[in-house]
Amino acid sequence: VAKATVPAVNAVMSAAMLATIRHSIDTRDAYYTAEDE
């Protein structure tokens, strides 16, 4: 069960980090501003 769940948890954490980093690179980017929100 845990092994089957790891990819989903990692995907959510990775998406959150990726959106945050890309927003911080250019805070004027409308797409990543919306994702940050």
Full PDB file with SEQRES, HELIX, SHEET, SSBOND, CRYST1, ORIGX, SCALE, CONECT and MASTER records, all heavy atoms in Angstrom:
SEQRES   1 A   37  VAL ALA LYS ALA THR VAL PRO ALA VAL ASN ALA VAL MET          
SEQRES   2 A   37  SER ALA ALA MET LEU ALA THR ILE ARG HIS SER ILE ASP          
SEQRES   3 A   37  THR ARG ASP ALA TYR TYR THR ALA GLU ASP GLU                  
HELIX    1 AA1 ALA A    2  ILE A   25  1                                  24    
HELIX    2 AA2 ALA A   30  ASP A   36  1                                   7    
CRYST1    1.000    1.000    1.000  90.00  90.00  90.00 P 1           1          
ORIGX1      1.000000  0.000000  0.000000        0.00000                         
ORIGX2      0.000000  1.000000  0.000000        0.00000                         
ORIGX3      0.000000  0.000000  1.000000        0.00000                         
SCALE1      1.000000  0.000000  0.000000        0.00000                         
SCALE2      0.000000  1.000000  0.000000        0.00000                         
SCALE3      0.000000  0.000000  1.000000        0.00000                         
ATOM      1  N   VAL A   1       0.844  -1.205   0.000  1.00  0.00           N  
ATOM      2  CA  VAL A   1       0.000   0.000   0.000  1.00  0.00           C  
ATOM      3  C   VAL A   1       0.874   1.248   0.000  1.00  0.00           C  
ATOM      4  O   VAL A   1       0.653   2.186  -0.771  1.00  0.00           O  
ATOM      5  CB  VAL A   1      -0.956   0.006   1.220  1.00  0.00           C  
ATOM      6  CG1 VAL A   1      -1.670   1.343   1.345  1.00  0.00           C  
ATOM      7  CG2 VAL A   1      -1.974  -1.126   1.102  1.00  0.00           C  
ATOM      8  N   ALA A   2       1.881   1.265   0.861  1.00  0.00           N  
ATOM      9  CA  ALA A   2       2.766   2.430   0.943  1.00  0.00           C  
ATOM     10  C   ALA A   2       3.495   2.659  -0.372  1.00  0.00           C  
ATOM     11  O   ALA A   2       3.577   3.794  -0.859  1.00  0.00           O  
ATOM     12  CB  ALA A   2       3.759   2.244   2.088  1.00  0.00           C  
ATOM     13  N   LYS A   3       4.023   1.602  -0.960  1.00  0.00           N  
ATOM     14  CA  LYS A   3       4.746   1.737  -2.235  1.00  0.00           C  
ATOM     15  C   LYS A   3       3.834   2.248  -3.347  1.00  0.00           C  
ATOM     16  O   LYS A   3       4.267   3.000  -4.210  1.00  0.00           O  
ATOM     17  CB  LYS A   3       5.375   0.405  -2.640  1.00  0.00           C  
ATOM     18  CG  LYS A   3       6.639   0.091  -1.886  1.00  0.00           C  
ATOM     19  CD  LYS A   3       7.295  -1.170  -2.409  1.00  0.00           C  
ATOM     20  CE  LYS A   3       8.623  -1.403  -1.720  1.00  0.00           C  
ATOM     21  NZ  LYS A   3       9.295  -2.620  -2.199  1.00  0.00           N  
ATOM     22  N   ALA A   4       2.574   1.839  -3.318  1.00  0.00           N  
ATOM     23  CA  ALA A   4       1.626   2.304  -4.333  1.00  0.00           C  
ATOM     24  C   ALA A   4       1.260   3.777  -4.124  1.00  0.00           C  
ATOM     25  O   ALA A   4       0.865   4.454  -5.073  1.00  0.00           O  
ATOM     26  CB  ALA A   4       0.370   1.438  -4.301  1.00  0.00           C  
ATOM     27  N   THR A   5       1.407   4.267  -2.891  1.00  0.00           N  
ATOM     28  CA  THR A   5       1.028   5.643  -2.567  1.00  0.00           C  
ATOM     29  C   THR A   5       2.168   6.638  -2.781  1.00  0.00           C  
ATOM     30  O   THR A   5       1.927   7.804  -3.078  1.00  0.00           O  
ATOM     31  CB  THR A   5       0.531   5.714  -1.108  1.00  0.00           C  
ATOM     32  OG1 THR A   5      -0.465   4.706  -0.921  1.00  0.00           O  
ATOM     33  CG2 THR A   5      -0.069   7.062  -0.784  1.00  0.00           C  
ATOM     34  N   VAL A   6       3.399   6.185  -2.660  1.00  0.00           N  
ATOM     35  CA  VAL A   6       4.570   7.067  -2.778  1.00  0.00           C  
ATOM     36  C   VAL A   6       4.550   7.906  -4.058  1.00  0.00           C  
ATOM     37  O   VAL A   6       4.759   9.121  -3.999  1.00  0.00           O  
ATOM     38  CB  VAL A   6       5.886   6.263  -2.649  1.00  0.00           C  
ATOM     39  CG1 VAL A   6       7.089   7.102  -3.071  1.00  0.00           C  
ATOM     40  CG2 VAL A   6       6.068   5.777  -1.220  1.00  0.00           C  
ATOM     41  N   PRO A   7       4.281   7.323  -5.236  1.00  0.00           N  
ATOM     42  CA  PRO A   7       4.302   8.152  -6.449  1.00  0.00           C  
ATOM     43  C   PRO A   7       3.288   9.309  -6.428  1.00  0.00           C  
ATOM     44  O   PRO A   7       3.595  10.406  -6.897  1.00  0.00           O  
ATOM     45  CB  PRO A   7       3.976   7.167  -7.572  1.00  0.00           C  
ATOM     46  CG  PRO A   7       4.367   5.831  -7.033  1.00  0.00           C  
ATOM     47  CD  PRO A   7       4.091   5.902  -5.561  1.00  0.00           C  
ATOM     48  N   ALA A   8       2.114   9.071  -5.872  1.00  0.00           N  
ATOM     49  CA  ALA A   8       1.094  10.133  -5.813  1.00  0.00           C  
ATOM     50  C   ALA A   8       1.534  11.253  -4.876  1.00  0.00           C  
ATOM     51  O   ALA A   8       1.414  12.436  -5.204  1.00  0.00           O  
ATOM     52  CB  ALA A   8      -0.245   9.563  -5.367  1.00  0.00           C  
ATOM     53  N   VAL A   9       2.061  10.897  -3.703  1.00  0.00           N  
ATOM     54  CA  VAL A   9       2.523  11.897  -2.738  1.00  0.00           C  
ATOM     55  C   VAL A   9       3.692  12.679  -3.334  1.00  0.00           C  
ATOM     56  O   VAL A   9       3.733  13.913  -3.250  1.00  0.00           O  
ATOM     57  CB  VAL A   9       2.916  11.226  -1.403  1.00  0.00           C  
ATOM     58  CG1 VAL A   9       3.566  12.223  -0.451  1.00  0.00           C  
ATOM     59  CG2 VAL A   9       1.696  10.585  -0.747  1.00  0.00           C  
ATOM     60  N   ASN A  10       4.636  11.967  -3.952  1.00  0.00           N  
ATOM     61  CA  ASN A  10       5.787  12.636  -4.564  1.00  0.00           C  
ATOM     62  C   ASN A  10       5.366  13.562  -5.698  1.00  0.00           C  
ATOM     63  O   ASN A  10       5.935  14.646  -5.869  1.00  0.00           O  
ATOM     64  CB  ASN A  10       6.802  11.614  -5.078  1.00  0.00           C  
ATOM     65  CG  ASN A  10       7.574  10.957  -3.949  1.00  0.00           C  
ATOM     66  OD1 ASN A  10       7.536  11.395  -2.810  1.00  0.00           O  
ATOM     67  ND2 ASN A  10       8.270   9.891  -4.277  1.00  0.00           N  
ATOM     68  N   ALA A  11       4.381  13.153  -6.489  1.00  0.00           N  
ATOM     69  CA  ALA A  11       3.919  13.976  -7.609  1.00  0.00           C  
ATOM     70  C   ALA A  11       3.324  15.290  -7.115  1.00  0.00           C  
ATOM     71  O   ALA A  11       3.576  16.352  -7.696  1.00  0.00           O  
ATOM     72  CB  ALA A  11       2.896  13.210  -8.448  1.00  0.00           C  
ATOM     73  N   VAL A  12       2.551  15.233  -6.039  1.00  0.00           N  
ATOM     74  CA  VAL A  12       1.960  16.455  -5.487  1.00  0.00           C  
ATOM     75  C   VAL A  12       3.047  17.364  -4.921  1.00  0.00           C  
ATOM     76  O   VAL A  12       3.070  18.569  -5.188  1.00  0.00           O  
ATOM     77  CB  VAL A  12       0.897  16.121  -4.415  1.00  0.00           C  
ATOM     78  CG1 VAL A  12       0.507  17.350  -3.610  1.00  0.00           C  
ATOM     79  CG2 VAL A  12      -0.332  15.522  -5.089  1.00  0.00           C  
ATOM     80  N   MET A  13       3.979  16.794  -4.160  1.00  0.00           N  
ATOM     81  CA  MET A  13       5.061  17.602  -3.595  1.00  0.00           C  
ATOM     82  C   MET A  13       5.914  18.219  -4.698  1.00  0.00           C  
ATOM     83  O   MET A  13       6.294  19.396  -4.627  1.00  0.00           O  
ATOM     84  CB  MET A  13       5.936  16.755  -2.667  1.00  0.00           C  
ATOM     85  CG  MET A  13       5.269  16.416  -1.367  1.00  0.00           C  
ATOM     86  SD  MET A  13       6.269  15.542  -0.110  1.00  0.00           S  
ATOM     87  CE  MET A  13       7.723  15.021  -0.915  1.00  0.00           C  
ATOM     88  N   SER A  14       6.205  17.444  -5.730  1.00  0.00           N  
ATOM     89  CA  SER A  14       7.018  17.950  -6.838  1.00  0.00           C  
ATOM     90  C   SER A  14       6.307  19.067  -7.589  1.00  0.00           C  
ATOM     91  O   SER A  14       6.925  20.067  -7.963  1.00  0.00           O  
ATOM     92  CB  SER A  14       7.367  16.812  -7.803  1.00  0.00           C  
ATOM     93  OG  SER A  14       8.180  15.865  -7.167  1.00  0.00           O  
ATOM     94  N   ALA A  15       5.014  18.905  -7.820  1.00  0.00           N  
ATOM     95  CA  ALA A  15       4.244  19.939  -8.523  1.00  0.00           C  
ATOM     96  C   ALA A  15       4.241  21.237  -7.727  1.00  0.00           C  
ATOM     97  O   ALA A  15       4.433  22.323  -8.286  1.00  0.00           O  
ATOM     98  CB  ALA A  15       2.818  19.459  -8.786  1.00  0.00           C  
ATOM     99  N   ALA A  16       4.038  21.131  -6.428  1.00  0.00           N  
ATOM    100  CA  ALA A  16       4.024  22.331  -5.579  1.00  0.00           C  
ATOM    101  C   ALA A  16       5.380  23.033  -5.620  1.00  0.00           C  
ATOM    102  O   ALA A  16       5.454  24.257  -5.769  1.00  0.00           O  
ATOM    103  CB  ALA A  16       3.654  21.961  -4.146  1.00  0.00           C  
ATOM    104  N   MET A  17       6.461  22.259  -5.506  1.00  0.00           N  
ATOM    105  CA  MET A  17       7.801  22.853  -5.541  1.00  0.00           C  
ATOM    106  C   MET A  17       8.102  23.476  -6.894  1.00  0.00           C  
ATOM    107  O   MET A  17       8.642  24.580  -6.976  1.00  0.00           O  
ATOM    108  CB  MET A  17       8.855  21.797  -5.212  1.00  0.00           C  
ATOM    109  CG  MET A  17       8.991  21.526  -3.746  1.00  0.00           C  
ATOM    110  SD  MET A  17      10.446  20.552  -3.366  1.00  0.00           S  
ATOM    111  CE  MET A  17       9.773  18.904  -3.464  1.00  0.00           C  
ATOM    112  N   LEU A  18       7.736  22.770  -7.956  1.00  0.00           N  
ATOM    113  CA  LEU A  18       8.009  23.265  -9.302  1.00  0.00           C  
ATOM    114  C   LEU A  18       7.272  24.579  -9.564  1.00  0.00           C  
ATOM    115  O   LEU A  18       7.852  25.533 -10.085  1.00  0.00           O  
ATOM    116  CB  LEU A  18       7.609  22.206 -10.331  1.00  0.00           C  
ATOM    117  CG  LEU A  18       7.990  22.456 -11.777  1.00  0.00           C  
ATOM    118  CD1 LEU A  18       9.485  22.641 -11.940  1.00  0.00           C  
ATOM    119  CD2 LEU A  18       7.519  21.283 -12.644  1.00  0.00           C  
ATOM    120  N   ALA A  19       6.010  24.636  -9.176  1.00  0.00           N  
ATOM    121  CA  ALA A  19       5.227  25.865  -9.364  1.00  0.00           C  
ATOM    122  C   ALA A  19       5.830  27.017  -8.562  1.00  0.00           C  
ATOM    123  O   ALA A  19       5.939  28.141  -9.058  1.00  0.00           O  
ATOM    124  CB  ALA A  19       3.775  25.642  -8.963  1.00  0.00           C  
ATOM    125  N   THR A  20       6.249  26.741  -7.333  1.00  0.00           N  
ATOM    126  CA  THR A  20       6.832  27.777  -6.482  1.00  0.00           C  
ATOM    127  C   THR A  20       8.140  28.292  -7.067  1.00  0.00           C  
ATOM    128  O   THR A  20       8.374  29.503  -7.128  1.00  0.00           O  
ATOM    129  CB  THR A  20       7.066  27.219  -5.060  1.00  0.00           C  
ATOM    130  OG1 THR A  20       5.811  26.820  -4.518  1.00  0.00           O  
ATOM    131  CG2 THR A  20       7.709  28.244  -4.153  1.00  0.00           C  
ATOM    132  N   ILE A  21       8.988  27.382  -7.507  1.00  0.00           N  
ATOM    133  CA  ILE A  21      10.281  27.791  -8.071  1.00  0.00           C  
ATOM    134  C   ILE A  21      10.075  28.593  -9.353  1.00  0.00           C  
ATOM    135  O   ILE A  21      10.678  29.657  -9.529  1.00  0.00           O  
ATOM    136  CB  ILE A  21      11.174  26.560  -8.330  1.00  0.00           C  
ATOM    137  CG1 ILE A  21      11.593  25.937  -7.007  1.00  0.00           C  
ATOM    138  CG2 ILE A  21      12.398  26.939  -9.167  1.00  0.00           C  
ATOM    139  CD1 ILE A  21      12.229  24.563  -7.129  1.00  0.00           C  
ATOM    140  N   ARG A  22       9.218  28.110 -10.230  1.00  0.00           N  
ATOM    141  CA  ARG A  22       9.005  28.826 -11.485  1.00  0.00           C  
ATOM    142  C   ARG A  22       8.373  30.197 -11.245  1.00  0.00           C  
ATOM    143  O   ARG A  22       8.688  31.151 -11.947  1.00  0.00           O  
ATOM    144  CB  ARG A  22       8.164  27.972 -12.436  1.00  0.00           C  
ATOM    145  CG  ARG A  22       8.994  26.787 -12.950  1.00  0.00           C  
ATOM    146  CD  ARG A  22       8.533  26.277 -14.262  1.00  0.00           C  
ATOM    147  NE  ARG A  22       9.445  25.265 -14.758  1.00  0.00           N  
ATOM    148  CZ  ARG A  22       9.069  24.127 -15.291  1.00  0.00           C  
ATOM    149  NH1 ARG A  22       7.787  23.857 -15.437  1.00  0.00           N  
ATOM    150  NH2 ARG A  22       9.965  23.267 -15.725  1.00  0.00           N  
ATOM    151  N   HIS A  23       7.515  30.298 -10.266  1.00  0.00           N  
ATOM    152  CA  HIS A  23       6.945  31.608  -9.931  1.00  0.00           C  
ATOM    153  C   HIS A  23       8.031  32.534  -9.394  1.00  0.00           C  
ATOM    154  O   HIS A  23       8.059  33.719  -9.727  1.00  0.00           O  
ATOM    155  CB  HIS A  23       5.821  31.460  -8.916  1.00  0.00           C  
ATOM    156  CG  HIS A  23       5.274  32.771  -8.446  1.00  0.00           C  
ATOM    157  ND1 HIS A  23       4.601  33.637  -9.266  1.00  0.00           N  
ATOM    158  CD2 HIS A  23       5.329  33.373  -7.236  1.00  0.00           C  
ATOM    159  CE1 HIS A  23       4.257  34.715  -8.595  1.00  0.00           C  
ATOM    160  NE2 HIS A  23       4.692  34.583  -7.351  1.00  0.00           N  
ATOM    161  N   SER A  24       8.926  31.993  -8.581  1.00  0.00           N  
ATOM    162  CA  SER A  24       9.981  32.837  -8.004  1.00  0.00           C  
ATOM    163  C   SER A  24      10.987  33.295  -9.057  1.00  0.00           C  
ATOM    164  O   SER A  24      11.607  34.346  -8.899  1.00  0.00           O  
ATOM    165  CB  SER A  24      10.706  32.100  -6.874  1.00  0.00           C  
ATOM    166  OG  SER A  24      11.514  31.061  -7.386  1.00  0.00           O  
ATOM    167  N   ILE A  25      11.146  32.534 -10.136  1.00  0.00           N  
ATOM    168  CA  ILE A  25      12.067  32.924 -11.210  1.00  0.00           C  
ATOM    169  C   ILE A  25      11.570  34.175 -11.911  1.00  0.00           C  
ATOM    170  O   ILE A  25      12.344  35.077 -12.231  1.00  0.00           O  
ATOM    171  CB  ILE A  25      12.259  31.760 -12.210  1.00  0.00           C  
ATOM    172  CG1 ILE A  25      13.062  30.638 -11.540  1.00  0.00           C  
ATOM    173  CG2 ILE A  25      12.933  32.222 -13.490  1.00  0.00           C  
ATOM    174  CD1 ILE A  25      13.124  29.350 -12.335  1.00  0.00           C  
ATOM    175  N   ASP A  26      10.266  34.223 -12.159  1.00  0.00           N  
ATOM    176  CA  ASP A  26       9.681  35.405 -12.808  1.00  0.00           C  
ATOM    177  C   ASP A  26       8.287  35.619 -12.234  1.00  0.00           C  
ATOM    178  O   ASP A  26       7.323  34.987 -12.671  1.00  0.00           O  
ATOM    179  CB  ASP A  26       9.623  35.223 -14.324  1.00  0.00           C  
ATOM    180  CG  ASP A  26       9.097  36.458 -15.044  1.00  0.00           C  
ATOM    181  OD1 ASP A  26       8.777  37.459 -14.381  1.00  0.00           O  
ATOM    182  OD2 ASP A  26       9.006  36.413 -16.290  1.00  0.00           O  
ATOM    183  N   THR A  27       8.189  36.502 -11.260  1.00  0.00           N  
ATOM    184  CA  THR A  27       6.912  36.726 -10.590  1.00  0.00           C  
ATOM    185  C   THR A  27       5.904  37.449 -11.480  1.00  0.00           C  
ATOM    186  O   THR A  27       4.756  37.621 -11.095  1.00  0.00           O  
ATOM    187  CB  THR A  27       7.106  37.532  -9.289  1.00  0.00           C  
ATOM    188  OG1 THR A  27       7.751  38.765  -9.601  1.00  0.00           O  
ATOM    189  CG2 THR A  27       7.940  36.749  -8.291  1.00  0.00           C  
ATOM    190  N   ARG A  28       6.342  37.857 -12.687  1.00  0.00           N  
ATOM    191  CA  ARG A  28       5.423  38.523 -13.622  1.00  0.00           C  
ATOM    192  C   ARG A  28       4.738  37.530 -14.552  1.00  0.00           C  
ATOM    193  O   ARG A  28       3.835  37.887 -15.288  1.00  0.00           O  
ATOM    194  CB  ARG A  28       6.186  39.561 -14.447  1.00  0.00           C  
ATOM    195  CG  ARG A  28       6.789  40.673 -13.603  1.00  0.00           C  
ATOM    196  CD  ARG A  28       7.818  41.437 -14.376  1.00  0.00           C  
ATOM    197  NE  ARG A  28       8.877  40.490 -14.750  1.00  0.00           N  
ATOM    198  CZ  ARG A  28       9.884  40.762 -15.565  1.00  0.00           C  
ATOM    199  NH1 ARG A  28       9.988  41.940 -16.104  1.00  0.00           N  
ATOM    200  NH2 ARG A  28      10.799  39.854 -15.837  1.00  0.00           N  
ATOM    201  N   ASP A  29       5.161  36.264 -14.532  1.00  0.00           N  
ATOM    202  CA  ASP A  29       4.577  35.235 -15.392  1.00  0.00           C  
ATOM    203  C   ASP A  29       3.154  34.944 -14.905  1.00  0.00           C  
ATOM    204  O   ASP A  29       2.949  34.415 -13.813  1.00  0.00           O  
ATOM    205  CB  ASP A  29       5.439  33.975 -15.328  1.00  0.00           C  
ATOM    206  CG  ASP A  29       4.953  32.862 -16.228  1.00  0.00           C  
ATOM    207  OD1 ASP A  29       3.738  32.553 -16.216  1.00  0.00           O  
ATOM    208  OD2 ASP A  29       5.780  32.279 -16.955  1.00  0.00           O  
ATOM    209  N   ALA A  30       2.177  35.280 -15.729  1.00  0.00           N  
ATOM    210  CA  ALA A  30       0.770  35.161 -15.324  1.00  0.00           C  
ATOM    211  C   ALA A  30       0.380  33.718 -15.003  1.00  0.00           C  
ATOM    212  O   ALA A  30      -0.386  33.474 -14.062  1.00  0.00           O  
ATOM    213  CB  ALA A  30      -0.140  35.724 -16.414  1.00  0.00           C  
ATOM    214  N   TYR A  31       0.893  32.768 -15.787  1.00  0.00           N  
ATOM    215  CA  TYR A  31       0.536  31.364 -15.553  1.00  0.00           C  
ATOM    216  C   TYR A  31       1.004  30.914 -14.172  1.00  0.00           C  
ATOM    217  O   TYR A  31       0.225  30.343 -13.397  1.00  0.00           O  
ATOM    218  CB  TYR A  31       1.132  30.464 -16.637  1.00  0.00           C  
ATOM    219  CG  TYR A  31       0.820  29.004 -16.420  1.00  0.00           C  
ATOM    220  CD1 TYR A  31      -0.433  28.494 -16.737  1.00  0.00           C  
ATOM    221  CD2 TYR A  31       1.761  28.148 -15.859  1.00  0.00           C  
ATOM    222  CE1 TYR A  31      -0.736  27.159 -16.520  1.00  0.00           C  
ATOM    223  CE2 TYR A  31       1.466  26.813 -15.639  1.00  0.00           C  
ATOM    224  CZ  TYR A  31       0.229  26.327 -15.967  1.00  0.00           C  
ATOM    225  OH  TYR A  31      -0.071  25.002 -15.748  1.00  0.00           O  
ATOM    226  N   TYR A  32       2.277  31.153 -13.864  1.00  0.00           N  
ATOM    227  CA  TYR A  32       2.792  30.687 -12.575  1.00  0.00           C  
ATOM    228  C   TYR A  32       2.335  31.559 -11.408  1.00  0.00           C  
ATOM    229  O   TYR A  32       2.326  31.110 -10.264  1.00  0.00           O  
ATOM    230  CB  TYR A  32       4.310  30.505 -12.622  1.00  0.00           C  
ATOM    231  CG  TYR A  32       4.642  29.222 -13.357  1.00  0.00           C  
ATOM    232  CD1 TYR A  32       5.184  29.243 -14.630  1.00  0.00           C  
ATOM    233  CD2 TYR A  32       4.337  27.990 -12.792  1.00  0.00           C  
ATOM    234  CE1 TYR A  32       5.439  28.061 -15.310  1.00  0.00           C  
ATOM    235  CE2 TYR A  32       4.583  26.810 -13.462  1.00  0.00           C  
ATOM    236  CZ  TYR A  32       5.135  26.852 -14.723  1.00  0.00           C  
ATOM    237  OH  TYR A  32       5.357  25.675 -15.393  1.00  0.00           O  
ATOM    238  N   THR A  33       1.905  32.779 -11.677  1.00  0.00           N  
ATOM    239  CA  THR A  33       1.273  33.574 -10.633  1.00  0.00           C  
ATOM    240  C   THR A  33      -0.049  32.915 -10.236  1.00  0.00           C  
ATOM    241  O   THR A  33      -0.366  32.791  -9.043  1.00  0.00           O  
ATOM    242  CB  THR A  33       1.046  35.024 -11.103  1.00  0.00           C  
ATOM    243  OG1 THR A  33       2.325  35.637 -11.309  1.00  0.00           O  
ATOM    244  CG2 THR A  33       0.256  35.824 -10.087  1.00  0.00           C  
ATOM    245  N   ALA A  34      -0.797  32.467 -11.236  1.00  0.00           N  
ATOM    246  CA  ALA A  34      -2.063  31.770 -10.955  1.00  0.00           C  
ATOM    247  C   ALA A  34      -1.803  30.456 -10.211  1.00  0.00           C  
ATOM    248  O   ALA A  34      -2.552  30.093  -9.287  1.00  0.00           O  
ATOM    249  CB  ALA A  34      -2.819  31.504 -12.249  1.00  0.00           C  
ATOM    250  N   GLU A  35      -0.735  29.752 -10.593  1.00  0.00           N  
ATOM    251  CA  GLU A  35      -0.410  28.500  -9.904  1.00  0.00           C  
ATOM    252  C   GLU A  35       0.041  28.764  -8.469  1.00  0.00           C  
ATOM    253  O   GLU A  35      -0.282  28.002  -7.559  1.00  0.00           O  
ATOM    254  CB  GLU A  35       0.661  27.715 -10.673  1.00  0.00           C  
ATOM    255  CG  GLU A  35       0.162  27.155 -11.986  1.00  0.00           C  
ATOM    256  CD  GLU A  35      -1.120  26.351 -11.827  1.00  0.00           C  
ATOM    257  OE1 GLU A  35      -1.107  25.297 -11.146  1.00  0.00           O  
ATOM    258  OE2 GLU A  35      -2.166  26.771 -12.380  1.00  0.00           O  
ATOM    259  N   ASP A  36       0.769  29.854  -8.262  1.00  0.00           N  
ATOM    260  CA  ASP A  36       1.177  30.226  -6.914  1.00  0.00           C  
ATOM    261  C   ASP A  36      -0.054  30.506  -6.053  1.00  0.00           C  
ATOM    262  O   ASP A  36      -0.131  30.070  -4.902  1.00  0.00           O  
ATOM    263  CB  ASP A  36       2.092  31.456  -6.969  1.00  0.00           C  
ATOM    264  CG  ASP A  36       2.640  31.824  -5.614  1.00  0.00           C  
ATOM    265  OD1 ASP A  36       3.327  30.984  -4.992  1.00  0.00           O  
ATOM    266  OD2 ASP A  36       2.387  32.961  -5.160  1.00  0.00           O  
ATOM    267  N   GLU A  37      -1.027  31.202  -6.619  1.00  0.00           N  
ATOM    268  CA  GLU A  37      -2.269  31.474  -5.894  1.00  0.00           C  
ATOM    269  C   GLU A  37      -3.018  30.171  -5.587  1.00  0.00           C  
ATOM    270  O   GLU A  37      -3.591  30.011  -4.506  1.00  0.00           O  
ATOM    271  CB  GLU A  37      -3.147  32.432  -6.693  1.00  0.00           C  
ATOM    272  CG  GLU A  37      -2.570  33.838  -6.755  1.00  0.00           C  
ATOM    273  CD  GLU A  37      -3.259  34.742  -7.764  1.00  0.00           C  
ATOM    274  OE1 GLU A  37      -4.234  34.299  -8.419  1.00  0.00           O  
ATOM    275  OE2 GLU A  37      -2.813  35.898  -7.910  1.00  0.00           O  
TER     276      GLU A  37                                                      
MASTER        0    0    0    2    0    0    0    6  275    1    0    3          
END                                                                             
